[in-house]
Protein backbone atom coordinates (compact mmCIF):
# COMPACT_ATOMS: atom_id res chain seq x y z
CA MET A 1 2.15 23.45 10.00
CA THR A 2 5.19 22.21 7.99
CA ILE A 3 4.94 18.40 9.54
CA PHE A 4 1.54 18.37 8.91
CA PHE A 5 2.03 19.48 5.15
CA LEU A 6 4.90 16.25 4.62
CA ALA A 7 2.60 13.85 6.30
CA LEU A 8 -0.25 14.88 3.70
CA LEU A 9 2.19 14.53 0.99
CA ILE A 10 3.52 11.21 1.99
CA GLY A 11 -0.62 10.45 2.34
CA VAL A 12 -0.85 11.51 -1.74
CA VAL A 13 2.25 9.56 -2.21
CA ALA A 14 0.58 6.20 -0.70
CA GLY A 15 -2.22 7.02 -2.77
CA LEU A 16 0.19 6.80 -6.32
CA ARG A 17 2.05 3.35 -4.74
CA GLY A 18 0.96 2.12 -1.39
CA LEU A 19 4.15 0.43 -0.27
CA MET A 20 6.67 2.61 -1.55
CA PRO A 21 6.32 5.52 1.50
CA PRO A 22 6.22 2.70 4.28
CA ALA A 23 9.56 1.05 2.85
CA VAL A 24 11.52 4.68 2.51
CA VAL A 25 9.84 5.78 6.14
CA SER A 26 11.26 2.06 7.54
CA TRP A 27 14.74 2.66 5.95
CA ALA A 28 15.23 6.14 7.48
CA ALA A 29 13.88 4.98 11.10
CA TYR A 30 16.46 2.05 10.56
CA LEU A 31 19.57 4.14 9.45
CA GLY A 32 18.08 6.79 12.80
CA HIS A 33 16.74 9.78 10.60
CA LEU A 34 13.20 9.25 11.47
CA PRO A 35 13.43 8.77 15.43
CA LEU A 36 10.74 6.60 15.89
CA GLN A 37 12.28 4.17 18.54
CA GLY A 38 9.99 4.30 21.88
CA THR A 39 6.99 4.92 20.07
CA TRP A 40 3.98 2.78 18.77
CA LEU A 41 5.70 2.70 15.27
CA ALA A 42 9.20 1.58 16.34
CA PHE A 43 8.38 -1.45 14.29
CA LEU A 44 9.01 0.59 11.06
CA GLY A 45 12.79 0.90 12.32
CA PHE A 46 13.13 -3.13 13.11
CA ALA A 47 15.97 -4.55 11.60
CA ALA A 48 14.37 -7.01 8.87
CA THR A 49 11.57 -4.11 8.42
CA PRO A 50 13.04 -2.72 5.66
CA TYR A 51 13.80 -5.36 3.81
CA ILE A 52 10.67 -6.78 3.89
CA LEU A 53 8.63 -3.58 2.89
CA THR A 54 11.12 -2.81 0.30
CA VAL A 55 10.40 -6.31 -1.38
CA LEU A 56 6.95 -5.53 -1.42
CA ALA A 57 7.35 -2.08 -2.72
CA ILE A 58 9.28 -3.98 -5.78
CA VAL A 59 6.15 -6.89 -6.63
CA GLU A 60 3.93 -3.65 -5.79
CA LEU A 61 5.98 -1.91 -9.03
CA ILE A 62 5.67 -4.98 -10.83
CA ALA A 63 2.15 -5.90 -10.30
CA ASP A 64 1.23 -2.33 -11.16
CA LYS A 65 1.98 -2.88 -14.82
CA ARG A 66 -0.02 -5.98 -15.32
CA PRO A 67 -3.25 -5.45 -17.09
CA THR A 68 -5.14 -8.21 -14.18
CA THR A 69 -4.05 -6.21 -11.49
CA PRO A 70 -7.12 -4.24 -9.48
CA SER A 71 -7.70 -0.47 -9.26
CA ARG A 72 -6.64 1.24 -6.84
CA LYS A 73 -9.77 2.81 -5.79
CA SER A 74 -11.22 -0.86 -5.14
CA PRO A 75 -12.00 -1.74 -1.25
CA PRO A 76 -8.61 -3.38 -0.62
CA GLY A 77 -6.41 -1.24 -2.72
CA PHE A 78 -7.94 1.79 -1.49
CA GLY A 79 -7.95 0.58 2.21
CA ALA A 80 -4.37 -0.40 1.72
CA ARG A 81 -3.43 3.23 0.77
CA LEU A 82 -5.43 4.39 3.92
CA VAL A 83 -3.52 2.47 6.25
CA THR A 84 -0.48 3.13 4.58
CA GLY A 85 -1.11 6.82 4.24
CA ALA A 86 -2.05 6.76 7.55
CA VAL A 87 0.69 4.85 9.28
CA CYS A 88 3.51 7.01 7.53
CA GLY A 89 1.83 10.08 8.28
CA ALA A 90 2.27 9.32 11.87
CA ALA A 91 5.50 8.71 11.10
CA ILE A 92 6.16 11.83 9.84
CA GLY A 93 3.97 13.57 12.50
CA VAL A 94 6.39 11.94 15.03
CA VAL A 95 9.05 14.35 14.43
CA GLY A 96 7.23 17.42 15.50
CA SER A 97 4.87 15.50 18.22
CA ALA A 98 2.07 15.43 15.96
CA TRP A 99 1.78 12.09 14.85
CA LEU A 100 -2.55 12.25 15.13
CA GLY A 101 -2.56 15.02 12.85
CA GLY A 102 0.30 13.17 10.80
CA LEU A 103 -1.73 10.68 10.93
CA VAL A 104 -5.07 12.17 9.41
CA ALA A 105 -3.10 14.22 7.21
CA GLY A 106 -1.87 11.13 5.72
CA VAL A 107 -5.16 9.55 5.28
CA PHE A 108 -7.07 12.85 3.66
CA GLY A 109 -3.28 12.69 1.25
CA ALA A 110 -3.79 8.96 0.70
CA VAL A 111 -7.40 9.65 -0.89
CA ILE A 112 -6.32 12.96 -2.51
CA GLY A 113 -3.33 10.60 -4.14
CA THR A 114 -5.75 7.16 -4.97
CA PHE A 115 -7.78 9.57 -6.81
CA GLY A 116 -5.94 12.23 -8.49
CA GLY A 117 -2.98 9.73 -8.93
CA TYR A 118 -5.76 7.11 -11.21
CA ALA A 119 -7.33 10.88 -12.47
CA ALA A 120 -3.25 11.70 -13.93
CA ARG A 121 -2.57 8.38 -15.60
CA MET A 122 -5.35 8.09 -17.16
CA ARG A 123 -4.59 10.89 -18.81
CA LEU A 124 -1.09 10.38 -18.97
CA ALA A 125 -2.18 6.74 -20.93
CA ARG A 126 -4.83 8.77 -23.25
CA VAL A 127 -1.41 10.99 -24.45
CA PHE A 128 0.25 7.87 -24.97
CA ASP A 129 -2.10 5.58 -26.14
CA ARG A 130 -0.86 3.31 -23.83
CA ASP A 131 -0.64 2.81 -19.92
CA PHE A 132 3.09 1.48 -19.34
CA PRO A 133 4.98 4.74 -20.09
CA ALA A 134 2.31 6.54 -17.89
CA ALA A 135 2.64 3.73 -15.00
CA ILE A 136 6.33 4.33 -15.13
CA ILE A 137 6.13 8.30 -14.95
CA GLU A 138 4.06 7.64 -12.24
CA ASP A 139 6.44 5.31 -10.61
CA LEU A 140 9.33 7.68 -10.98
CA VAL A 141 7.48 10.47 -9.27
CA ALA A 142 6.36 8.29 -6.36
CA ILE A 143 9.86 7.34 -5.87
CA ILE A 144 11.10 10.90 -6.15
CA ALA A 145 8.58 12.10 -4.22
CA VAL A 146 8.54 10.12 -1.43
CA ILE A 147 12.56 10.36 -0.81
CA LEU A 148 12.33 13.95 -1.01
CA ILE A 149 9.73 14.40 1.77
CA VAL A 150 11.31 12.01 4.36
CA ALA A 151 14.31 13.88 3.63
CA ALA A 152 12.50 16.87 4.66
CA ALA A 153 11.27 15.55 7.39
């Protein structure tokens, strides 16, 4: 049950920041903390993957602050969050020999994180009368949460 809960949680984080979970999962796989070798997710542990995903995650953190960035609920952004939630949930599920259950939990988590994260950020933005502080808080929550989730797996 714990593995599925962690997979759900990593999906929630993917709903907040789509590329942060793959970057952290990739580092964990590359450093040997997440045993993905020999699975269909082994690519996450390849030498270049964590670096590429880290750069993309940083670009996402910057782009998210721009007013012209499309909503996370729009089809391309939402779809990407579902995919990254699924992949990261499956990676967490591999630990408990339940990658398919982890994948499904990751997708559900991504849906929760996308819509729940949007609602929470809008509320925070109203409190601050600006979006930027709300976005920074969301970034910090996503970064801290994904590191704790992967460490717990």
